[in-house]
Amino acid sequence: MRFHHIGLFVPDLAGGRQSLSALLPVRDWEAEIDDPGLRVRVQFGLDAAGVRYELVAPLGEKNPVEGALRTGRNILNHVAYCVDDIAAERGRLEAEGCFSMTEPHPAVAFGGRPVMFLMTPLRFILELIEEPAPAE
């Protein structure tokens, strides 16, 4: 597993970008990405130490963001890791007590590679991104 990002739910990307940049040294923002399949808009930014943040805003009806925003819960939403084989990692994590919140689904932000979300026994959300390690 290789760390990828910390995901934050925001009402809109512009406001989230402005707020996070005022609080933390996040400056290098990538392009905004719409993902109709996952019903979210996302944008990644890097801080001075190279930590990547993902802002996640609602896109359309029945999106996974509005409920969290309405209740003020799970705003610091997930920690994401890249894995070589999402099915194998899912099995390993479920054996450790995690449960799947979603099935693997292609994500526009990752070139159509599958992502999925699991709840850990420590009660935080873990996102898996299937991204095989580059050959050495």
Protein backbone atom coordinates (compact mmCIF):
# COMPACT_ATOMS: atom_id res chain seq x y z
CA MET A 1 0.00 0.00 0.00
CA ARG A 2 1.28 3.45 -0.95
CA PHE A 3 -0.19 6.63 0.57
CA HIS A 4 -2.05 8.77 -1.99
CA HIS A 5 -4.22 11.44 -0.30
CA ILE A 6 -6.48 12.66 2.49
CA GLY A 7 -10.07 13.31 1.32
CA LEU A 8 -12.17 16.23 2.59
CA PHE A 9 -15.85 16.82 1.81
CA VAL A 10 -16.71 20.41 0.84
CA PRO A 11 -19.89 22.10 -0.45
CA ASP A 12 -18.04 23.43 -3.53
CA LEU A 13 -14.48 23.20 -4.81
CA ALA A 14 -13.74 26.94 -5.05
CA GLY A 15 -14.78 27.61 -1.45
CA GLY A 16 -13.03 24.50 -0.20
CA ARG A 17 -9.85 25.41 -2.05
CA GLN A 18 -9.90 28.94 -0.61
CA SER A 19 -10.53 27.74 2.96
CA LEU A 20 -7.98 24.93 2.95
CA SER A 21 -5.30 27.14 1.37
CA ALA A 22 -5.89 29.77 4.06
CA LEU A 23 -5.48 27.15 6.82
CA LEU A 24 -2.71 24.95 5.46
CA PRO A 25 0.17 25.45 3.01
CA VAL A 26 -1.74 23.75 0.16
CA ARG A 27 -0.84 25.61 -3.00
CA ASP A 28 -0.35 23.32 -6.00
CA TRP A 29 -3.91 22.68 -7.19
CA GLU A 30 -4.63 20.35 -10.11
CA ALA A 31 -7.58 20.75 -12.49
CA GLU A 32 -11.12 20.14 -11.25
CA ILE A 33 -12.54 16.76 -12.27
CA ASP A 34 -16.21 15.81 -12.64
CA ASP A 35 -17.02 12.14 -12.05
CA PRO A 36 -20.69 11.50 -12.92
CA GLY A 37 -20.34 7.78 -12.09
CA LEU A 38 -19.31 8.52 -8.51
CA ARG A 39 -21.50 11.68 -8.42
CA VAL A 40 -18.68 13.94 -7.19
CA ARG A 41 -16.43 16.77 -8.32
CA VAL A 42 -12.86 16.48 -7.07
CA GLN A 43 -9.66 18.48 -7.01
CA PHE A 44 -6.25 17.55 -5.67
CA GLY A 45 -3.73 19.88 -4.07
CA LEU A 46 -0.27 19.42 -2.58
CA ASP A 47 1.18 21.08 0.48
CA ALA A 48 4.82 22.10 0.92
CA ALA A 49 5.69 18.70 2.42
CA GLY A 50 4.16 16.82 -0.52
CA VAL A 51 1.01 15.70 1.31
CA ARG A 52 -1.84 15.42 -1.21
CA TYR A 53 -5.37 16.55 -0.29
CA GLU A 54 -8.51 15.76 -2.26
CA LEU A 55 -11.47 18.11 -2.07
CA VAL A 56 -14.71 16.24 -2.82
CA ALA A 57 -17.88 18.21 -3.68
CA PRO A 58 -21.37 16.97 -4.61
CA LEU A 59 -22.28 16.44 -8.27
CA GLY A 60 -25.94 15.78 -9.00
CA GLU A 61 -28.58 13.91 -7.04
CA LYS A 62 -27.93 11.09 -4.56
CA ASN A 63 -24.24 11.93 -4.16
CA PRO A 64 -22.17 10.63 -1.22
CA VAL A 65 -21.25 14.15 0.02
CA GLU A 66 -24.45 16.03 0.92
CA GLY A 67 -25.42 13.84 3.88
CA ALA A 68 -22.03 14.32 5.53
CA LEU A 69 -22.15 18.07 4.89
CA ARG A 70 -25.67 18.31 6.30
CA THR A 71 -24.74 16.52 9.54
CA GLY A 72 -21.21 17.90 9.83
CA ARG A 73 -19.88 14.36 10.23
CA ASN A 74 -17.13 12.64 8.25
CA ILE A 75 -15.97 15.89 6.67
CA LEU A 76 -12.38 14.70 7.03
CA ASN A 77 -13.66 11.75 5.11
CA HIS A 78 -11.01 9.24 4.12
CA VAL A 79 -7.38 8.24 3.78
CA ALA A 80 -6.48 6.83 0.37
CA TYR A 81 -3.84 4.31 -0.62
CA CYS A 82 -2.80 2.89 -3.98
CA VAL A 83 -2.69 -0.88 -4.20
CA ASP A 84 -1.48 -3.27 -6.89
CA ASP A 85 -4.54 -5.55 -6.73
CA ILE A 86 -7.75 -4.11 -5.28
CA ALA A 87 -9.46 -7.52 -4.93
CA ALA A 88 -6.54 -9.04 -3.02
CA GLU A 89 -6.20 -5.99 -0.75
CA ARG A 90 -9.94 -5.99 -0.11
CA GLY A 91 -9.75 -9.61 1.00
CA ARG A 92 -6.81 -8.91 3.30
CA LEU A 93 -8.52 -5.89 4.87
CA GLU A 94 -11.85 -7.69 5.33
CA ALA A 95 -9.95 -10.49 7.12
CA GLU A 96 -8.63 -7.76 9.46
CA GLY A 97 -12.18 -6.63 10.30
CA CYS A 98 -12.85 -3.97 7.65
CA PHE A 99 -16.13 -3.99 5.77
CA SER A 100 -16.76 -2.80 2.25
CA MET A 101 -18.86 0.34 1.91
CA THR A 102 -18.80 0.22 -1.90
CA GLU A 103 -17.91 -2.14 -4.68
CA PRO A 104 -14.93 -1.25 -6.89
CA HIS A 105 -15.97 1.43 -9.38
CA PRO A 106 -14.01 3.19 -12.15
CA ALA A 107 -12.93 6.71 -11.18
CA VAL A 108 -12.37 9.51 -13.69
CA ALA A 109 -9.71 11.08 -11.44
CA PHE A 110 -7.62 7.93 -11.77
CA GLY A 111 -7.98 7.29 -15.49
CA GLY A 112 -10.86 4.84 -15.01
CA ARG A 113 -8.93 2.63 -12.60
CA PRO A 114 -11.16 1.15 -9.88
CA VAL A 115 -11.58 2.66 -6.43
CA MET A 116 -13.50 1.38 -3.44
CA PHE A 117 -14.16 2.43 0.15
CA LEU A 118 -13.97 0.35 3.33
CA MET A 119 -14.76 1.13 6.97
CA THR A 120 -11.95 0.07 9.28
CA PRO A 121 -12.34 -1.37 12.79
CA LEU A 122 -10.93 1.98 14.02
CA ARG A 123 -14.00 3.65 12.41
CA PHE A 124 -12.26 5.62 9.68
CA ILE A 125 -12.82 5.26 5.96
CA LEU A 126 -10.09 3.83 3.78
CA GLU A 127 -10.11 4.35 0.00
CA LEU A 128 -8.27 1.86 -2.19
CA ILE A 129 -7.10 2.93 -5.64
CA GLU A 130 -5.92 0.17 -7.94
CA GLU A 131 -2.65 1.39 -9.37
CA PRO A 132 -0.04 -1.26 -9.98
CA ALA A 133 3.46 -0.22 -8.92
CA PRO A 134 5.69 0.80 -11.83
CA ALA A 135 8.08 -1.88 -13.03
CA GLU A 136 11.62 -1.29 -11.86
